[in-house]
């Protein structure tokens, strides 16, 4: 890990127990989300770093979205307001 809290994709995959395909899918989703895209720092095609604090915020967001999707539809409707 770099002194500034940035990690390489390989470090993130190892630390979070992610396969390459799972990481790639989450990375694409994170970049597509304007709120969390700053978690991924890309300097060209081969240099990528992950700002772990922002990555964790993105994972919390993902977890909350999953929880909402899994709620009973009647409960989900009332939480949307």
Protein backbone atom coordinates (compact mmCIF):
# COMPACT_ATOMS: atom_id res chain seq x y z
CA UNK A 1 0.00 0.00 0.00
CA UNK A 2 1.16 3.49 -0.78
CA UNK A 3 1.57 5.98 2.06
CA UNK A 4 -1.51 7.89 0.90
CA UNK A 5 -3.87 4.90 1.32
CA UNK A 6 -3.94 3.99 -2.36
CA UNK A 7 -3.71 0.33 -3.31
CA UNK A 8 -3.17 -1.56 -6.51
CA UNK A 9 -5.99 -3.71 -7.90
CA UNK A 10 -3.98 -6.79 -6.90
CA UNK A 11 -3.81 -5.60 -3.29
CA UNK A 12 -7.55 -4.90 -3.24
CA UNK A 13 -8.34 -8.32 -4.73
CA UNK A 14 -6.16 -10.02 -2.13
CA UNK A 15 -7.41 -7.98 0.84
CA UNK A 16 -11.09 -8.32 -0.08
CA UNK A 17 -10.95 -11.89 -1.38
CA UNK A 18 -12.09 -10.94 -4.88
CA UNK A 19 -11.46 -12.87 -8.06
CA UNK A 20 -10.25 -10.84 -11.03
CA UNK A 21 -13.67 -10.99 -12.75
CA UNK A 22 -15.53 -9.90 -9.59
CA UNK A 23 -13.13 -7.00 -9.08
CA UNK A 24 -13.46 -5.95 -12.75
CA UNK A 25 -17.26 -5.92 -12.49
CA UNK A 26 -17.19 -3.84 -9.30
CA UNK A 27 -14.58 -1.50 -10.76
CA UNK A 28 -16.75 -0.87 -13.86
CA UNK A 29 -19.79 -0.26 -11.67
CA UNK A 30 -17.82 2.07 -9.40
CA UNK A 31 -16.50 4.11 -12.34
CA UNK A 32 -20.02 4.38 -13.77
CA UNK A 33 -21.32 5.84 -10.50
CA UNK A 34 -20.64 9.61 -10.34
CA UNK A 35 -20.74 9.52 -6.53
CA UNK A 36 -17.91 6.99 -6.20
CA UNK A 37 -15.88 7.11 -9.42
CA UNK A 38 -13.13 9.02 -7.62
CA UNK A 39 -12.25 5.74 -5.83
CA UNK A 40 -10.54 4.58 -9.03
CA UNK A 41 -7.43 6.46 -10.17
CA UNK A 42 -6.33 5.56 -13.69
CA UNK A 43 -3.13 6.92 -15.18
CA UNK A 44 -3.31 5.48 -18.64
CA UNK A 45 -4.44 1.98 -19.54
CA UNK A 46 -2.10 0.03 -17.28
CA UNK A 47 -1.69 2.13 -14.14
CA UNK A 48 -4.66 1.87 -11.80
CA UNK A 49 -4.87 2.62 -8.11
CA UNK A 50 -7.75 2.32 -5.69
CA UNK A 51 -8.34 4.88 -2.95
CA UNK A 52 -9.37 2.41 -0.28
CA UNK A 53 -11.44 4.80 1.84
CA UNK A 54 -13.59 5.70 -1.19
CA UNK A 55 -13.70 2.03 -2.30
CA UNK A 56 -15.11 1.12 1.11
CA UNK A 57 -17.73 3.86 0.79
CA UNK A 58 -18.69 2.42 -2.60
CA UNK A 59 -18.96 -1.08 -1.10
CA UNK A 60 -21.23 0.25 1.66
CA UNK A 61 -23.41 1.89 -1.02
CA UNK A 62 -23.51 -1.41 -2.94
CA UNK A 63 -24.48 -3.27 0.21
CA UNK A 64 -27.32 -0.84 0.90
CA UNK A 65 -28.60 -1.16 -2.67
CA UNK A 66 -28.56 -4.96 -2.32
CA UNK A 67 -30.45 -4.73 0.99
CA UNK A 68 -33.12 -2.55 -0.61
CA UNK A 69 -33.51 -4.95 -3.56
CA UNK A 70 -33.92 -7.89 -1.18
CA UNK A 71 -36.63 -6.25 0.93
CA UNK A 72 -40.22 -7.37 0.67
CA UNK A 73 -41.79 -5.27 -2.14
CA UNK A 74 -44.30 -3.71 0.29
CA UNK A 75 -41.52 -2.55 2.61
CA UNK A 76 -39.36 -1.42 -0.32
CA UNK A 77 -42.19 0.82 -1.55
CA UNK A 78 -42.45 2.60 1.81
CA UNK A 79 -38.67 3.17 2.07
CA UNK A 80 -38.54 4.81 -1.38
CA UNK A 81 -40.32 7.90 -0.04
